[in-house]
Amino acid sequence: MQIRFYANMRTIVGQEIFEVADLNEDKTLRSLLNVLIEHFPNVHPYLFNSTNNLLPDVPIFVNGRNPRLEKIGMDMPLESDDIISMFSPISSGKMNVEAMRGPAFNERR
């Protein structure tokens, strides 16, 4: 399966697509996001709050459908050919500024 990153999420991760060959036996959106965090730990604060709940303003879609609209939510089962799309948060400018600053900005301060 693929995770495709758009807008500033692409900047934070540093790539457009992340291929996941195989999840453990728990093939859910939750386990996929855990694999993502293992590979890209810097993404964690942009996706999850301090209690590890998905931030409500981060648009994530599975095959173009919003898993938040499903009763099962983060425990939505995934198939090997699914495409997960991740966008920048929609309610805050914080991520946009921090992502664009990057290490070079912090070195100048």
N, C-alpha and C. Protein backbone atom coordinates (compact mmCIF):
# COMPACT_ATOMS: atom_id res chain seq x y z
N MET A 1 0.84 -1.18 0.00
CA MET A 1 0.00 0.00 0.00
C MET A 1 0.88 1.23 0.00
N GLN A 2 0.27 2.34 -0.33
CA GLN A 2 1.01 3.59 -0.42
C GLN A 2 0.41 4.64 0.48
N ILE A 3 1.30 5.44 1.05
CA ILE A 3 0.87 6.68 1.70
C ILE A 3 1.39 7.79 0.80
N ARG A 4 0.49 8.63 0.33
CA ARG A 4 0.88 9.75 -0.52
C ARG A 4 0.75 11.03 0.30
N PHE A 5 1.79 11.85 0.24
CA PHE A 5 1.84 13.07 1.02
C PHE A 5 1.64 14.28 0.11
N TYR A 6 0.85 15.22 0.61
CA TYR A 6 0.55 16.43 -0.15
C TYR A 6 0.86 17.66 0.70
N ALA A 7 1.07 18.77 0.00
CA ALA A 7 1.29 20.07 0.63
C ALA A 7 2.47 19.96 1.61
N ASN A 8 2.33 20.54 2.78
CA ASN A 8 3.45 20.58 3.73
C ASN A 8 3.76 19.23 4.37
N MET A 9 2.83 18.29 4.31
CA MET A 9 3.16 16.95 4.82
C MET A 9 4.29 16.36 3.99
N ARG A 10 4.30 16.66 2.71
CA ARG A 10 5.37 16.18 1.83
C ARG A 10 6.70 16.80 2.24
N THR A 11 6.69 18.06 2.62
CA THR A 11 7.90 18.74 3.06
C THR A 11 8.43 18.13 4.36
N ILE A 12 7.54 17.85 5.27
CA ILE A 12 7.94 17.29 6.57
C ILE A 12 8.51 15.89 6.43
N VAL A 13 7.85 15.05 5.63
CA VAL A 13 8.31 13.68 5.44
C VAL A 13 9.54 13.64 4.54
N GLY A 14 9.58 14.53 3.56
CA GLY A 14 10.72 14.57 2.66
C GLY A 14 10.57 13.70 1.43
N GLN A 15 9.39 13.20 1.20
CA GLN A 15 9.13 12.43 -0.01
C GLN A 15 7.65 12.47 -0.34
N GLU A 16 7.35 12.11 -1.59
CA GLU A 16 5.98 12.16 -2.07
C GLU A 16 5.18 10.92 -1.71
N ILE A 17 5.84 9.76 -1.77
CA ILE A 17 5.15 8.49 -1.56
C ILE A 17 5.98 7.61 -0.63
N PHE A 18 5.30 6.96 0.30
CA PHE A 18 5.93 5.98 1.18
C PHE A 18 5.24 4.65 0.93
N GLU A 19 5.99 3.68 0.47
CA GLU A 19 5.45 2.35 0.18
C GLU A 19 5.57 1.47 1.42
N VAL A 20 4.49 0.81 1.77
CA VAL A 20 4.50 -0.13 2.89
C VAL A 20 4.22 -1.52 2.30
N ALA A 21 5.22 -2.37 2.36
CA ALA A 21 5.10 -3.69 1.74
C ALA A 21 4.15 -4.58 2.52
N ASP A 22 4.28 -4.56 3.84
CA ASP A 22 3.43 -5.47 4.61
C ASP A 22 3.29 -4.94 6.03
N LEU A 23 2.07 -4.96 6.50
CA LEU A 23 1.80 -4.63 7.90
C LEU A 23 1.78 -5.93 8.69
N ASN A 24 1.83 -5.80 10.00
CA ASN A 24 1.68 -6.99 10.82
C ASN A 24 0.26 -7.53 10.64
N GLU A 25 -0.12 -8.48 11.45
CA GLU A 25 -1.45 -9.06 11.29
C GLU A 25 -2.59 -8.06 11.49
N ASP A 26 -2.34 -6.97 12.19
CA ASP A 26 -3.33 -5.92 12.40
C ASP A 26 -3.25 -4.92 11.25
N LYS A 27 -3.89 -5.22 10.15
CA LYS A 27 -3.83 -4.38 8.95
C LYS A 27 -4.90 -3.30 9.02
N THR A 28 -4.63 -2.30 9.88
CA THR A 28 -5.58 -1.21 10.06
C THR A 28 -4.88 0.12 9.80
N LEU A 29 -5.67 1.17 9.67
CA LEU A 29 -5.12 2.50 9.52
C LEU A 29 -4.24 2.85 10.72
N ARG A 30 -4.67 2.47 11.89
CA ARG A 30 -3.90 2.74 13.11
C ARG A 30 -2.50 2.10 13.03
N SER A 31 -2.43 0.84 12.63
CA SER A 31 -1.12 0.18 12.55
C SER A 31 -0.27 0.77 11.43
N LEU A 32 -0.90 1.19 10.34
CA LEU A 32 -0.16 1.85 9.27
C LEU A 32 0.46 3.16 9.74
N LEU A 33 -0.30 3.95 10.48
CA LEU A 33 0.24 5.21 11.00
C LEU A 33 1.36 4.95 12.00
N ASN A 34 1.28 3.87 12.75
CA ASN A 34 2.38 3.51 13.66
C ASN A 34 3.65 3.19 12.88
N VAL A 35 3.51 2.49 11.75
CA VAL A 35 4.67 2.19 10.90
C VAL A 35 5.24 3.49 10.33
N LEU A 36 4.36 4.39 9.93
CA LEU A 36 4.81 5.69 9.42
C LEU A 36 5.64 6.43 10.46
N ILE A 37 5.16 6.45 11.70
CA ILE A 37 5.87 7.14 12.79
C ILE A 37 7.21 6.46 13.08
N GLU A 38 7.28 5.14 12.96
CA GLU A 38 8.56 4.45 13.16
C GLU A 38 9.59 4.90 12.13
N HIS A 39 9.16 5.10 10.88
CA HIS A 39 10.08 5.50 9.82
C HIS A 39 10.35 7.01 9.81
N PHE A 40 9.37 7.80 10.23
CA PHE A 40 9.48 9.26 10.21
C PHE A 40 9.01 9.82 11.56
N PRO A 41 9.82 9.69 12.61
CA PRO A 41 9.40 10.13 13.95
C PRO A 41 9.05 11.61 14.04
N ASN A 42 9.64 12.43 13.17
CA ASN A 42 9.35 13.87 13.21
C ASN A 42 7.92 14.20 12.80
N VAL A 43 7.21 13.25 12.23
CA VAL A 43 5.82 13.47 11.80
C VAL A 43 4.85 13.38 12.98
N HIS A 44 5.24 12.71 14.04
CA HIS A 44 4.34 12.45 15.17
C HIS A 44 3.60 13.69 15.67
N PRO A 45 4.28 14.79 15.98
CA PRO A 45 3.54 15.94 16.52
C PRO A 45 2.59 16.60 15.52
N TYR A 46 2.74 16.30 14.25
CA TYR A 46 1.85 16.86 13.24
C TYR A 46 0.61 15.98 13.03
N LEU A 47 0.66 14.75 13.57
CA LEU A 47 -0.47 13.83 13.42
C LEU A 47 -1.21 13.55 14.71
N PHE A 48 -0.47 13.50 15.83
CA PHE A 48 -1.06 13.05 17.08
C PHE A 48 -0.90 14.07 18.19
N ASN A 49 -1.85 14.06 19.12
CA ASN A 49 -1.74 14.92 20.29
C ASN A 49 -0.94 14.19 21.38
N SER A 50 -0.84 14.76 22.55
CA SER A 50 -0.02 14.20 23.63
C SER A 50 -0.54 12.87 24.16
N THR A 51 -1.80 12.55 23.90
CA THR A 51 -2.36 11.26 24.32
C THR A 51 -2.45 10.28 23.16
N ASN A 52 -1.70 10.55 22.08
CA ASN A 52 -1.63 9.70 20.89
C ASN A 52 -2.95 9.52 20.16
N ASN A 53 -3.80 10.52 20.23
CA ASN A 53 -5.01 10.53 19.42
C ASN A 53 -4.75 11.36 18.18
N LEU A 54 -5.28 10.91 17.06
CA LEU A 54 -5.10 11.62 15.80
C LEU A 54 -5.70 13.02 15.91
N LEU A 55 -4.92 14.01 15.51
CA LEU A 55 -5.42 15.38 15.54
C LEU A 55 -6.60 15.54 14.60
N PRO A 56 -7.63 16.24 15.03
CA PRO A 56 -8.85 16.33 14.22
C PRO A 56 -8.70 17.16 12.95
N ASP A 57 -7.68 18.00 12.86
CA ASP A 57 -7.56 18.87 11.70
C ASP A 57 -6.58 18.36 10.64
N VAL A 58 -6.16 17.09 10.75
CA VAL A 58 -5.27 16.49 9.75
C VAL A 58 -6.12 15.65 8.80
N PRO A 59 -6.25 16.10 7.55
CA PRO A 59 -7.03 15.33 6.58
C PRO A 59 -6.29 14.07 6.13
N ILE A 60 -6.90 12.92 6.38
CA ILE A 60 -6.39 11.63 5.94
C ILE A 60 -7.53 10.93 5.21
N PHE A 61 -7.20 10.36 4.06
CA PHE A 61 -8.20 9.66 3.26
C PHE A 61 -7.67 8.30 2.86
N VAL A 62 -8.55 7.30 2.90
CA VAL A 62 -8.22 5.95 2.45
C VAL A 62 -9.02 5.71 1.18
N ASN A 63 -8.29 5.60 0.07
CA ASN A 63 -8.95 5.44 -1.23
C ASN A 63 -9.97 6.54 -1.47
N GLY A 64 -9.63 7.75 -1.06
CA GLY A 64 -10.50 8.90 -1.27
C GLY A 64 -11.63 9.05 -0.27
N ARG A 65 -11.71 8.16 0.71
CA ARG A 65 -12.78 8.22 1.71
C ARG A 65 -12.23 8.60 3.07
N ASN A 66 -12.98 9.40 3.78
CA ASN A 66 -12.56 9.86 5.09
C ASN A 66 -12.87 8.79 6.14
N PRO A 67 -11.84 8.18 6.77
CA PRO A 67 -12.10 7.13 7.77
C PRO A 67 -12.82 7.65 9.01
N ARG A 68 -12.76 8.95 9.25
CA ARG A 68 -13.45 9.51 10.41
C ARG A 68 -14.97 9.41 10.27
N LEU A 69 -15.44 9.26 9.06
CA LEU A 69 -16.88 9.13 8.84
C LEU A 69 -17.39 7.71 9.03
N GLU A 70 -16.46 6.79 9.18
CA GLU A 70 -16.81 5.38 9.42
C GLU A 70 -16.88 5.13 10.92
N LYS A 71 -17.77 4.25 11.34
CA LYS A 71 -17.87 3.93 12.76
C LYS A 71 -16.57 3.36 13.31
N ILE A 72 -15.87 2.63 12.49
CA ILE A 72 -14.66 1.95 12.93
C ILE A 72 -13.44 2.90 12.98
N GLY A 73 -13.49 4.01 12.26
CA GLY A 73 -12.45 5.04 12.32
C GLY A 73 -11.05 4.54 12.07
N MET A 74 -10.16 4.76 13.03
CA MET A 74 -8.75 4.39 12.90
C MET A 74 -8.52 2.89 12.80
N ASP A 75 -9.52 2.12 13.18
CA ASP A 75 -9.39 0.66 13.10
C ASP A 75 -9.91 0.13 11.77
N MET A 76 -10.07 1.03 10.80
CA MET A 76 -10.51 0.66 9.46
C MET A 76 -9.52 -0.35 8.88
N PRO A 77 -9.99 -1.49 8.41
CA PRO A 77 -9.08 -2.47 7.81
C PRO A 77 -8.55 -1.97 6.47
N LEU A 78 -7.31 -2.32 6.19
CA LEU A 78 -6.66 -1.91 4.96
C LEU A 78 -6.30 -3.12 4.11
N GLU A 79 -6.26 -2.90 2.80
CA GLU A 79 -5.85 -3.92 1.85
C GLU A 79 -4.50 -3.52 1.26
N SER A 80 -3.79 -4.47 0.69
CA SER A 80 -2.44 -4.20 0.19
C SER A 80 -2.41 -3.20 -0.95
N ASP A 81 -3.51 -3.00 -1.66
CA ASP A 81 -3.52 -2.04 -2.77
C ASP A 81 -4.16 -0.70 -2.41
N ASP A 82 -4.41 -0.46 -1.12
CA ASP A 82 -5.02 0.80 -0.69
C ASP A 82 -4.05 1.96 -0.85
N ILE A 83 -4.63 3.14 -1.08
CA ILE A 83 -3.85 4.38 -1.16
C ILE A 83 -4.35 5.31 -0.08
N ILE A 84 -3.43 5.71 0.79
CA ILE A 84 -3.75 6.62 1.89
C ILE A 84 -3.16 7.98 1.52
N SER A 85 -3.99 9.00 1.56
CA SER A 85 -3.57 10.36 1.22
C SER A 85 -3.56 11.20 2.49
N MET A 86 -2.45 11.92 2.69
CA MET A 86 -2.31 12.76 3.88
C MET A 86 -2.01 14.18 3.46
N PHE A 87 -2.77 15.11 4.03
CA PHE A 87 -2.63 16.53 3.73
C PHE A 87 -2.22 17.29 4.98
N SER A 88 -1.85 18.53 4.81
CA SER A 88 -1.50 19.40 5.92
C SER A 88 -2.75 19.72 6.74
N PRO A 89 -2.57 20.03 8.03
CA PRO A 89 -3.72 20.44 8.85
C PRO A 89 -4.43 21.63 8.21
N ILE A 90 -5.73 21.69 8.41
CA ILE A 90 -6.51 22.74 7.77
C ILE A 90 -6.91 23.88 8.69
N SER A 91 -6.69 23.73 10.00
CA SER A 91 -7.18 24.78 10.90
C SER A 91 -6.09 25.64 11.52
N SER A 92 -4.84 25.34 11.23
CA SER A 92 -3.77 26.07 11.90
C SER A 92 -2.67 26.41 10.93
N GLY A 93 -2.12 27.59 11.05
CA GLY A 93 -0.98 27.98 10.25
C GLY A 93 0.34 27.55 10.86
N LYS A 94 0.31 26.99 12.06
CA LYS A 94 1.53 26.62 12.76
C LYS A 94 2.39 25.66 11.95
N MET A 95 1.78 24.62 11.40
CA MET A 95 2.55 23.64 10.66
C MET A 95 3.19 24.27 9.43
N ASN A 96 2.49 25.11 8.75
CA ASN A 96 3.01 25.72 7.54
C ASN A 96 4.28 26.52 7.83
N VAL A 97 4.26 27.32 8.85
CA VAL A 97 5.41 28.14 9.19
C VAL A 97 6.58 27.27 9.63
N GLU A 98 6.35 26.32 10.52
CA GLU A 98 7.43 25.50 11.03
C GLU A 98 8.03 24.62 9.96
N ALA A 99 7.21 24.08 9.08
CA ALA A 99 7.73 23.21 8.02
C ALA A 99 8.59 23.99 7.04
N MET A 100 8.20 25.19 6.74
CA MET A 100 8.94 25.99 5.78
C MET A 100 10.23 26.55 6.38
N ARG A 101 10.27 26.75 7.68
CA ARG A 101 11.48 27.27 8.31
C ARG A 101 12.61 26.27 8.19
N GLY A 102 12.35 25.02 8.56
CA GLY A 102 13.36 23.98 8.47
C GLY A 102 14.59 24.29 9.30
N PRO A 103 15.61 23.44 9.21
CA PRO A 103 16.83 23.63 10.00
C PRO A 103 17.58 24.91 9.66
N ALA A 104 17.57 25.32 8.41
CA ALA A 104 18.31 26.52 8.01
C ALA A 104 17.80 27.75 8.74
N PHE A 105 16.50 27.86 8.91
CA PHE A 105 15.94 29.01 9.62
C PHE A 105 16.39 29.00 11.07
N ASN A 106 16.32 27.84 11.71
CA ASN A 106 16.69 27.74 13.12
C ASN A 106 18.16 28.06 13.35
N GLU A 107 19.02 27.78 12.37
CA GLU A 107 20.45 28.06 12.52
C GLU A 107 20.72 29.57 12.50
N ARG A 108 19.85 30.32 11.80
CA ARG A 108 20.06 31.76 11.69
C ARG A 108 19.62 32.50 12.94
N ARG A 109 18.86 31.90 13.79
CA ARG A 109 18.32 32.59 14.97
C ARG A 109 19.33 32.72 16.07
